[in-house]
Amino acid sequence: MAGLFKRILRSAPVVRLAADAIAFYVRLVHATSRWETIGVEHPMAFWRDSRPFIGAFWHGRLLMMPLAWTTSHTMHMLISQHRDGELIARAMDPFGIGTVRGSTAKSGREKGGSAALRSILQVLKRGEYVAVTPDGPRGPRMRVSTGIVAAARLARVPILPATYGVARRRLAASWDRFMIPWPFNRGVYIWGEPIDVSSDENESLEQAALRVEAALNALCESADRHCGQIPVEPAPAAQENRNA
């Protein structure tokens, strides 16, 4: 019975219906809420000159992030080959966001990682943009893997951190504490300053990843406090090299 239920959940019509429901809910929340955007000048400088970058935000803040992209420039989101990937990819379609399938979670050593990295580089070479959840698809929560840094270095583009926060929300009991905002809300989008991970040849991938991680976590704390919420805490830092 459990196997049958899983097959039903993975069937194309069910996935399509669920993706449409997610897209509808995102639009409902956005349309019925008051939104403020902080730091939009950072991506605007790149959009204006058609310069590519890699956008970074946590997996737990994925739901409302498609509507942070307020430009006609083409965005591609890295979506894992995990079973939930197809649902997320379909939910992005109504917002004009393309997808790159695979993972850079272990610098290309994970299944699909090499193909994803090649696709990311091709997208950036065309002058388009890529968004990555550097703690997805399995965590640890709010900890950056080195894959996003490796991609940014190879493409020689900066990483722009971004996040959102809301005044009324539910945090799921999942590994990422996935944030579900309620309609008729108050929210904020925050863009951080671009992070250059290419110029310092002596900086390791791990050191650069920690810089990105610190910037993203600072943005999330700021967004949560801005909305009167207690900040979501990162997962405990692993004692060993979490990207090995």
Protein backbone atom coordinates (compact mmCIF):
# COMPACT_ATOMS: atom_id res chain seq x y z
CA MET A 1 0.00 0.00 0.00
CA ALA A 2 2.81 2.41 0.86
CA GLY A 3 4.49 1.72 -2.47
CA LEU A 4 1.26 2.36 -4.35
CA PHE A 5 0.77 5.66 -2.48
CA LYS A 6 4.30 6.78 -3.40
CA ARG A 7 3.71 5.93 -7.08
CA ILE A 8 0.49 7.96 -7.06
CA LEU A 9 2.30 10.95 -5.54
CA ARG A 10 4.96 10.72 -8.25
CA SER A 11 2.52 10.39 -11.15
CA ALA A 12 2.63 13.21 -13.70
CA PRO A 13 -1.00 14.40 -13.23
CA VAL A 14 -0.63 14.55 -9.44
CA VAL A 15 2.71 16.38 -9.66
CA ARG A 16 1.21 18.85 -12.15
CA LEU A 17 -1.81 19.50 -9.92
CA ALA A 18 0.38 19.99 -6.84
CA ALA A 19 2.72 22.34 -8.73
CA ASP A 20 -0.23 24.44 -9.91
CA ALA A 21 -1.52 24.62 -6.33
CA ILE A 22 1.88 25.78 -5.06
CA ALA A 23 2.15 28.48 -7.75
CA PHE A 24 -1.39 29.67 -6.94
CA TYR A 25 -0.59 29.86 -3.23
CA VAL A 26 2.63 31.83 -3.85
CA ARG A 27 0.71 34.36 -5.94
CA LEU A 28 -2.06 34.57 -3.33
CA VAL A 29 0.38 35.27 -0.50
CA HIS A 30 2.26 37.85 -2.55
CA ALA A 31 -0.85 39.63 -3.79
CA THR A 32 -2.52 39.88 -0.37
CA SER A 33 0.58 40.97 1.55
CA ARG A 34 2.60 44.18 1.90
CA TRP A 35 6.18 43.72 0.71
CA GLU A 36 9.29 45.78 1.20
CA THR A 37 12.52 45.18 -0.73
CA ILE A 38 15.90 46.07 0.75
CA GLY A 39 19.17 46.04 -1.17
CA VAL A 40 17.65 45.72 -4.65
CA GLU A 41 20.40 48.05 -5.90
CA HIS A 42 22.82 45.11 -5.69
CA PRO A 43 21.18 42.87 -8.33
CA MET A 44 19.99 45.97 -10.23
CA ALA A 45 23.58 46.94 -10.98
CA PHE A 46 24.09 43.55 -12.66
CA TRP A 47 20.71 43.48 -14.41
CA ARG A 48 21.31 46.94 -15.81
CA ASP A 49 24.60 45.90 -17.44
CA SER A 50 23.44 42.34 -18.25
CA ARG A 51 26.23 40.88 -16.10
CA PRO A 52 25.54 37.37 -14.80
CA PHE A 53 25.77 36.23 -11.20
CA ILE A 54 24.78 33.26 -9.05
CA GLY A 55 21.95 34.01 -6.63
CA ALA A 56 22.00 32.12 -3.32
CA PHE A 57 19.22 31.57 -0.78
CA TRP A 58 18.44 28.83 1.72
CA HIS A 59 16.26 25.85 0.86
CA GLY A 60 13.89 26.72 3.69
CA ARG A 61 13.17 30.13 2.11
CA LEU A 62 12.46 28.81 -1.37
CA LEU A 63 8.69 29.31 -1.55
CA MET A 64 8.45 33.08 -2.13
CA MET A 65 11.83 33.67 -3.76
CA PRO A 66 10.62 33.44 -7.41
CA LEU A 67 8.86 36.78 -6.89
CA ALA A 68 12.07 38.43 -5.74
CA TRP A 69 13.16 38.21 -9.39
CA THR A 70 11.68 41.45 -10.76
CA THR A 71 13.42 41.62 -14.11
CA SER A 72 12.99 40.18 -17.59
CA HIS A 73 16.49 38.73 -17.53
CA THR A 74 16.37 34.93 -17.69
CA MET A 75 16.84 33.05 -14.42
CA HIS A 76 17.56 29.32 -14.07
CA MET A 77 17.19 27.61 -10.70
CA LEU A 78 19.33 24.61 -9.80
CA ILE A 79 16.88 21.82 -8.90
CA SER A 80 18.11 18.52 -7.52
CA GLN A 81 17.33 15.11 -9.01
CA HIS A 82 15.73 14.25 -5.68
CA ARG A 83 12.14 13.01 -5.97
CA ASP A 84 10.81 16.46 -5.03
CA GLY A 85 12.79 18.11 -7.82
CA GLU A 86 10.16 17.61 -10.51
CA LEU A 87 7.49 19.20 -8.31
CA ILE A 88 9.68 22.25 -7.63
CA ALA A 89 10.64 22.55 -11.30
CA ARG A 90 7.00 22.53 -12.41
CA ALA A 91 6.04 25.05 -9.72
CA MET A 92 8.69 27.46 -11.10
CA ASP A 93 7.28 27.37 -14.66
CA PRO A 94 4.48 29.93 -14.15
CA PHE A 95 7.04 32.48 -12.94
CA GLY A 96 9.18 32.22 -16.07
CA ILE A 97 12.06 30.60 -14.19
CA GLY A 98 13.97 27.85 -15.96
CA THR A 99 15.68 24.96 -14.24
CA VAL A 100 19.01 23.19 -14.20
CA ARG A 101 18.75 19.64 -12.89
CA GLY A 102 21.39 18.08 -10.65
CA SER A 103 23.39 19.06 -7.56
CA THR A 104 26.63 20.82 -6.74
CA ALA A 105 26.38 19.76 -3.10
CA LYS A 106 29.64 17.84 -3.20
CA SER A 107 31.50 19.84 -5.80
CA GLY A 108 30.25 17.67 -8.62
CA ARG A 109 30.93 14.23 -7.07
CA GLU A 110 27.26 13.61 -6.31
CA LYS A 111 25.09 12.01 -8.98
CA GLY A 112 24.16 14.63 -11.55
CA GLY A 113 26.68 17.11 -10.15
CA SER A 114 29.05 17.20 -13.11
CA ALA A 115 26.23 17.66 -15.61
CA ALA A 116 24.69 20.36 -13.43
CA LEU A 117 27.99 22.21 -13.18
CA ARG A 118 28.42 22.14 -16.97
CA SER A 119 24.87 23.44 -17.42
CA ILE A 120 25.43 26.23 -14.90
CA LEU A 121 28.58 27.35 -16.71
CA GLN A 122 26.76 27.31 -20.06
CA VAL A 123 23.91 29.43 -18.65
CA LEU A 124 26.31 31.98 -17.17
CA LYS A 125 28.38 32.09 -20.35
CA ARG A 126 25.21 33.10 -22.24
CA GLY A 127 24.91 36.07 -19.88
CA GLU A 128 21.94 34.60 -18.01
CA TYR A 129 21.52 33.98 -14.29
CA VAL A 130 21.49 31.01 -11.93
CA ALA A 131 19.95 30.60 -8.46
CA VAL A 132 21.17 27.93 -6.03
CA THR A 133 20.05 26.71 -2.60
CA PRO A 134 23.51 25.86 -1.25
CA ASP A 135 22.18 23.76 1.64
CA GLY A 136 19.86 21.66 -0.53
CA PRO A 137 18.53 19.16 -1.18
CA ARG A 138 19.29 17.40 2.13
CA GLY A 139 21.15 19.84 4.35
CA PRO A 140 22.56 20.49 6.83
CA ARG A 141 20.28 23.49 7.24
CA MET A 142 21.76 26.90 6.46
CA ARG A 143 25.25 25.50 5.85
CA VAL A 144 26.91 26.23 2.50
CA SER A 145 28.46 23.40 0.51
CA THR A 146 31.50 24.21 -1.62
CA GLY A 147 29.74 23.46 -4.92
CA ILE A 148 28.36 26.96 -5.36
CA VAL A 149 31.81 28.45 -4.75
CA ALA A 150 33.41 26.11 -7.28
CA ALA A 151 30.82 27.10 -9.90
CA ALA A 152 31.28 30.82 -9.22
CA ARG A 153 35.07 30.51 -9.47
CA LEU A 154 34.97 28.59 -12.73
CA ALA A 155 32.54 31.11 -14.24
CA ARG A 156 34.31 34.05 -12.57
CA VAL A 157 31.03 35.58 -11.44
CA PRO A 158 30.01 36.82 -7.97
CA ILE A 159 27.49 35.24 -5.61
CA LEU A 160 24.57 37.42 -4.52
CA PRO A 161 22.86 36.27 -1.31
CA ALA A 162 19.13 36.89 -0.91
CA THR A 163 16.32 35.98 1.45
CA TYR A 164 12.83 36.88 2.60
CA GLY A 165 11.01 37.08 5.91
CA VAL A 166 7.36 37.43 6.93
CA ALA A 167 5.46 38.52 10.01
CA ARG A 168 3.07 35.54 10.03
CA ARG A 169 4.44 32.12 9.18
CA ARG A 170 4.59 28.43 9.93
CA LEU A 171 7.92 26.59 10.09
CA ALA A 172 7.67 23.00 8.96
CA ALA A 173 9.22 20.25 11.07
CA SER A 174 11.53 19.36 8.17
CA TRP A 175 15.33 19.42 8.12
CA ASP A 176 15.28 22.91 6.54
CA ARG A 177 12.50 24.36 8.76
CA PHE A 178 10.70 25.23 5.53
CA MET A 179 8.94 28.59 5.86
CA ILE A 180 5.26 28.77 4.88
CA PRO A 181 3.95 32.35 4.99
CA TRP A 182 0.24 33.05 5.52
CA PRO A 183 -1.79 35.27 3.18
CA PHE A 184 -2.63 38.83 4.26
CA ASN A 185 0.83 39.26 5.66
CA ARG A 186 3.74 41.66 5.88
CA GLY A 187 7.05 40.64 4.35
CA VAL A 188 10.47 41.77 3.27
CA TYR A 189 12.91 40.69 0.58
CA ILE A 190 16.57 41.43 1.28
CA TRP A 191 19.43 41.28 -1.24
CA GLY A 192 22.99 41.24 0.07
CA GLU A 193 26.12 42.71 -1.45
CA PRO A 194 27.86 40.63 -4.14
CA ILE A 195 30.47 38.22 -2.80
CA ASP A 196 33.65 37.79 -4.85
CA VAL A 197 35.05 34.28 -4.43
CA SER A 198 37.48 34.38 -7.36
CA SER A 199 40.05 37.09 -6.69
CA ASP A 200 41.88 35.59 -3.68
CA GLU A 201 43.86 32.61 -4.92
CA ASN A 202 44.91 31.70 -1.38
CA GLU A 203 41.35 31.35 -0.10
CA SER A 204 40.16 27.75 -0.02
CA LEU A 205 36.73 26.65 -1.22
CA GLU A 206 35.78 25.96 2.40
CA GLN A 207 36.82 29.44 3.54
CA ALA A 208 34.86 31.08 0.73
CA ALA A 209 31.82 28.90 1.51
CA LEU A 210 31.92 30.08 5.12
CA ARG A 211 31.88 33.71 3.94
CA VAL A 212 28.80 33.05 1.82
CA GLU A 213 27.19 31.17 4.71
CA ALA A 214 27.81 34.01 7.16
CA ALA A 215 26.36 36.56 4.74
CA LEU A 216 23.23 34.49 4.09
CA ASN A 217 22.62 33.81 7.77
CA ALA A 218 23.05 37.49 8.61
CA LEU A 219 20.46 38.38 5.95
CA CYS A 220 18.00 35.82 7.31
CA GLU A 221 18.42 37.07 10.86
CA SER A 222 17.87 40.63 9.67
CA ALA A 223 14.74 39.65 7.68
CA ASP A 224 13.24 37.72 10.60
CA ARG A 225 13.88 40.49 13.12
CA HIS A 226 12.58 43.08 10.65
CA CYS A 227 9.28 41.17 10.65
CA GLY A 228 9.20 40.67 14.43
CA GLN A 229 10.11 36.99 14.31
CA ILE A 230 12.69 34.91 16.15
CA PRO A 231 15.44 34.05 13.64
CA VAL A 232 15.67 30.48 12.37
CA GLU A 233 18.86 28.88 13.66
CA PRO A 234 21.33 27.00 11.39
CA ALA A 235 21.98 23.34 12.00
CA PRO A 236 24.94 22.69 14.30
CA ALA A 237 28.22 23.01 12.42
CA ALA A 238 29.80 19.65 11.69
CA GLN A 239 33.14 19.01 13.35
CA GLU A 240 34.47 17.28 10.29
CA ASN A 241 34.69 18.70 6.80
CA ARG A 242 31.02 18.73 5.77
CA ASN A 243 31.88 18.97 2.08
CA ALA A 244 34.11 15.91 1.95
